[in-house]
Amino acid sequence: MNKSTLNFWLLFIISLVISALAVSVFIKVLKLIIYVILVLALAPVVYLLLKLILPGRKTKDDKLKTRD
């Protein structure tokens, strides 16, 4: 094999590996961003649903006292 041919294949394989690593990191970051956006979007909905399902129990002691 010629030295330039060997150099070409070596650079080609290295570039493929670096590209694969870059794509995998990009996909992981994208998944994390989507997860954070979904959590931030769904948190108020879950809070309101739980507030409706589990209403706070109020007693007479919870009310403010009137002044004498």
N, C-alpha and C. Protein backbone atom coordinates (compact mmCIF):
# COMPACT_ATOMS: atom_id res chain seq x y z
N MET A 1 0.83 -1.19 0.00
CA MET A 1 0.00 0.00 0.00
C MET A 1 0.87 1.25 0.00
N ASN A 2 0.36 2.21 -0.65
CA ASN A 2 1.04 3.48 -0.71
C ASN A 2 0.82 4.23 0.60
N LYS A 3 1.76 5.06 0.97
CA LYS A 3 1.64 5.79 2.24
C LYS A 3 0.46 6.76 2.21
N SER A 4 0.20 7.38 1.08
CA SER A 4 -0.92 8.32 0.99
C SER A 4 -2.26 7.58 1.09
N THR A 5 -2.33 6.36 0.54
CA THR A 5 -3.56 5.56 0.66
C THR A 5 -3.80 5.17 2.11
N LEU A 6 -2.76 4.75 2.79
CA LEU A 6 -2.88 4.40 4.20
C LEU A 6 -3.29 5.61 5.03
N ASN A 7 -2.69 6.75 4.73
CA ASN A 7 -3.02 7.98 5.42
C ASN A 7 -4.49 8.36 5.19
N PHE A 8 -4.98 8.17 3.96
CA PHE A 8 -6.37 8.46 3.64
C PHE A 8 -7.31 7.60 4.46
N TRP A 9 -7.06 6.29 4.49
CA TRP A 9 -7.95 5.38 5.22
C TRP A 9 -7.91 5.65 6.72
N LEU A 10 -6.75 5.97 7.23
CA LEU A 10 -6.63 6.28 8.64
C LEU A 10 -7.43 7.54 8.99
N LEU A 11 -7.28 8.58 8.19
CA LEU A 11 -8.04 9.80 8.43
C LEU A 11 -9.54 9.58 8.24
N PHE A 12 -9.90 8.74 7.28
CA PHE A 12 -11.31 8.43 7.04
C PHE A 12 -11.94 7.72 8.23
N ILE A 13 -11.24 6.74 8.78
CA ILE A 13 -11.76 5.99 9.95
C ILE A 13 -11.85 6.91 11.17
N ILE A 14 -10.84 7.73 11.38
CA ILE A 14 -10.86 8.65 12.52
C ILE A 14 -12.01 9.65 12.38
N SER A 15 -12.22 10.14 11.16
CA SER A 15 -13.32 11.10 10.97
C SER A 15 -14.67 10.44 11.19
N LEU A 16 -14.82 9.17 10.80
CA LEU A 16 -16.07 8.45 11.06
C LEU A 16 -16.32 8.29 12.56
N VAL A 17 -15.30 7.95 13.29
CA VAL A 17 -15.44 7.77 14.74
C VAL A 17 -15.80 9.09 15.42
N ILE A 18 -15.11 10.15 15.03
CA ILE A 18 -15.40 11.46 15.64
C ILE A 18 -16.82 11.92 15.28
N SER A 19 -17.24 11.67 14.05
CA SER A 19 -18.60 12.03 13.64
C SER A 19 -19.63 11.23 14.42
N ALA A 20 -19.40 9.96 14.62
CA ALA A 20 -20.34 9.13 15.39
C ALA A 20 -20.42 9.62 16.83
N LEU A 21 -19.30 9.98 17.42
CA LEU A 21 -19.31 10.51 18.78
C LEU A 21 -20.06 11.83 18.86
N ALA A 22 -19.85 12.69 17.87
CA ALA A 22 -20.54 13.99 17.86
C ALA A 22 -22.04 13.81 17.72
N VAL A 23 -22.47 12.91 16.87
CA VAL A 23 -23.91 12.66 16.68
C VAL A 23 -24.51 12.07 17.95
N SER A 24 -23.83 11.15 18.59
CA SER A 24 -24.38 10.54 19.80
C SER A 24 -24.48 11.56 20.93
N VAL A 25 -23.50 12.42 21.06
CA VAL A 25 -23.56 13.47 22.09
C VAL A 25 -24.70 14.44 21.79
N PHE A 26 -24.86 14.81 20.52
CA PHE A 26 -25.94 15.70 20.13
C PHE A 26 -27.29 15.10 20.45
N ILE A 27 -27.48 13.82 20.18
CA ILE A 27 -28.76 13.16 20.45
C ILE A 27 -29.02 13.10 21.95
N LYS A 28 -28.00 12.83 22.75
CA LYS A 28 -28.18 12.79 24.20
C LYS A 28 -28.57 14.16 24.74
N VAL A 29 -27.93 15.21 24.24
CA VAL A 29 -28.25 16.56 24.68
C VAL A 29 -29.67 16.92 24.26
N LEU A 30 -30.05 16.53 23.04
CA LEU A 30 -31.40 16.81 22.55
C LEU A 30 -32.45 16.10 23.41
N LYS A 31 -32.20 14.86 23.77
CA LYS A 31 -33.13 14.13 24.65
C LYS A 31 -33.25 14.80 26.00
N LEU A 32 -32.14 15.27 26.54
CA LEU A 32 -32.18 15.95 27.83
C LEU A 32 -32.98 17.24 27.75
N ILE A 33 -32.79 18.00 26.68
CA ILE A 33 -33.53 19.25 26.52
C ILE A 33 -35.02 18.99 26.38
N ILE A 34 -35.39 17.98 25.61
CA ILE A 34 -36.81 17.63 25.46
C ILE A 34 -37.40 17.18 26.79
N TYR A 35 -36.65 16.41 27.55
CA TYR A 35 -37.11 15.94 28.85
C TYR A 35 -37.36 17.12 29.79
N VAL A 36 -36.44 18.07 29.83
CA VAL A 36 -36.58 19.24 30.71
C VAL A 36 -37.78 20.08 30.28
N ILE A 37 -37.97 20.27 28.99
CA ILE A 37 -39.11 21.05 28.50
C ILE A 37 -40.42 20.36 28.88
N LEU A 38 -40.49 19.05 28.72
CA LEU A 38 -41.71 18.33 29.07
C LEU A 38 -42.00 18.39 30.57
N VAL A 39 -40.97 18.27 31.38
CA VAL A 39 -41.17 18.36 32.83
C VAL A 39 -41.67 19.74 33.21
N LEU A 40 -41.06 20.78 32.65
CA LEU A 40 -41.48 22.14 32.97
C LEU A 40 -42.88 22.43 32.45
N ALA A 41 -43.28 21.83 31.35
CA ALA A 41 -44.61 22.06 30.80
C ALA A 41 -45.68 21.27 31.56
N LEU A 42 -45.33 20.09 32.04
CA LEU A 42 -46.33 19.25 32.70
C LEU A 42 -46.43 19.47 34.20
N ALA A 43 -45.48 20.12 34.80
CA ALA A 43 -45.50 20.33 36.25
C ALA A 43 -46.73 21.12 36.70
N PRO A 44 -47.10 22.22 36.06
CA PRO A 44 -48.31 22.93 36.50
C PRO A 44 -49.58 22.11 36.31
N VAL A 45 -49.64 21.31 35.25
CA VAL A 45 -50.82 20.48 35.02
C VAL A 45 -50.96 19.43 36.12
N VAL A 46 -49.85 18.79 36.45
CA VAL A 46 -49.88 17.78 37.52
C VAL A 46 -50.23 18.43 38.86
N TYR A 47 -49.70 19.62 39.10
CA TYR A 47 -50.01 20.33 40.35
C TYR A 47 -51.50 20.64 40.44
N LEU A 48 -52.08 21.14 39.36
CA LEU A 48 -53.52 21.45 39.39
C LEU A 48 -54.37 20.20 39.54
N LEU A 49 -53.98 19.11 38.87
CA LEU A 49 -54.72 17.86 39.02
C LEU A 49 -54.65 17.34 40.45
N LEU A 50 -53.48 17.39 41.05
CA LEU A 50 -53.37 16.93 42.44
C LEU A 50 -54.13 17.84 43.39
N LYS A 51 -54.16 19.12 43.08
CA LYS A 51 -54.89 20.05 43.92
C LYS A 51 -56.39 19.78 43.84
N LEU A 52 -56.87 19.40 42.66
CA LEU A 52 -58.29 19.06 42.52
C LEU A 52 -58.62 17.73 43.17
N ILE A 53 -57.73 16.77 43.03
CA ILE A 53 -57.99 15.43 43.57
C ILE A 53 -57.86 15.42 45.09
N LEU A 54 -56.85 16.09 45.61
CA LEU A 54 -56.60 16.10 47.05
C LEU A 54 -56.80 17.51 47.61
N PRO A 55 -58.06 17.92 47.77
CA PRO A 55 -58.26 19.27 48.29
C PRO A 55 -57.84 19.35 49.75
N GLY A 56 -57.39 20.53 50.13
CA GLY A 56 -56.99 20.72 51.52
C GLY A 56 -58.20 20.69 52.43
N ARG A 57 -58.08 20.04 53.54
CA ARG A 57 -59.19 19.95 54.48
C ARG A 57 -59.18 21.18 55.37
N LYS A 58 -60.26 21.93 55.34
CA LYS A 58 -60.34 23.14 56.15
C LYS A 58 -61.23 22.88 57.35
N THR A 59 -60.80 23.37 58.47
CA THR A 59 -61.60 23.28 59.69
C THR A 59 -61.89 24.69 60.19
N LYS A 60 -62.62 24.77 61.26
CA LYS A 60 -62.93 26.08 61.82
C LYS A 60 -61.69 26.78 62.36
N ASP A 61 -60.71 26.00 62.76
CA ASP A 61 -59.48 26.58 63.31
C ASP A 61 -58.61 27.22 62.23
N ASP A 62 -58.83 26.87 60.97
CA ASP A 62 -58.02 27.42 59.88
C ASP A 62 -58.39 28.86 59.53
N LYS A 63 -59.61 29.27 59.88
CA LYS A 63 -60.05 30.61 59.51
C LYS A 63 -59.39 31.65 60.39
N LEU A 64 -59.30 32.86 59.86
CA LEU A 64 -58.74 33.95 60.65
C LEU A 64 -59.74 34.36 61.72
N LYS A 65 -59.23 34.70 62.87
CA LYS A 65 -60.08 35.11 63.97
C LYS A 65 -60.50 36.56 63.77
N THR A 66 -61.69 36.87 64.21
CA THR A 66 -62.18 38.26 64.11
C THR A 66 -61.67 39.04 65.33
N ARG A 67 -61.57 40.34 65.11
CA ARG A 67 -61.13 41.18 66.22
C ARG A 67 -62.27 41.41 67.20
N ASP A 68 -61.92 41.55 68.44
CA ASP A 68 -62.94 41.82 69.48
C ASP A 68 -63.13 43.29 69.65
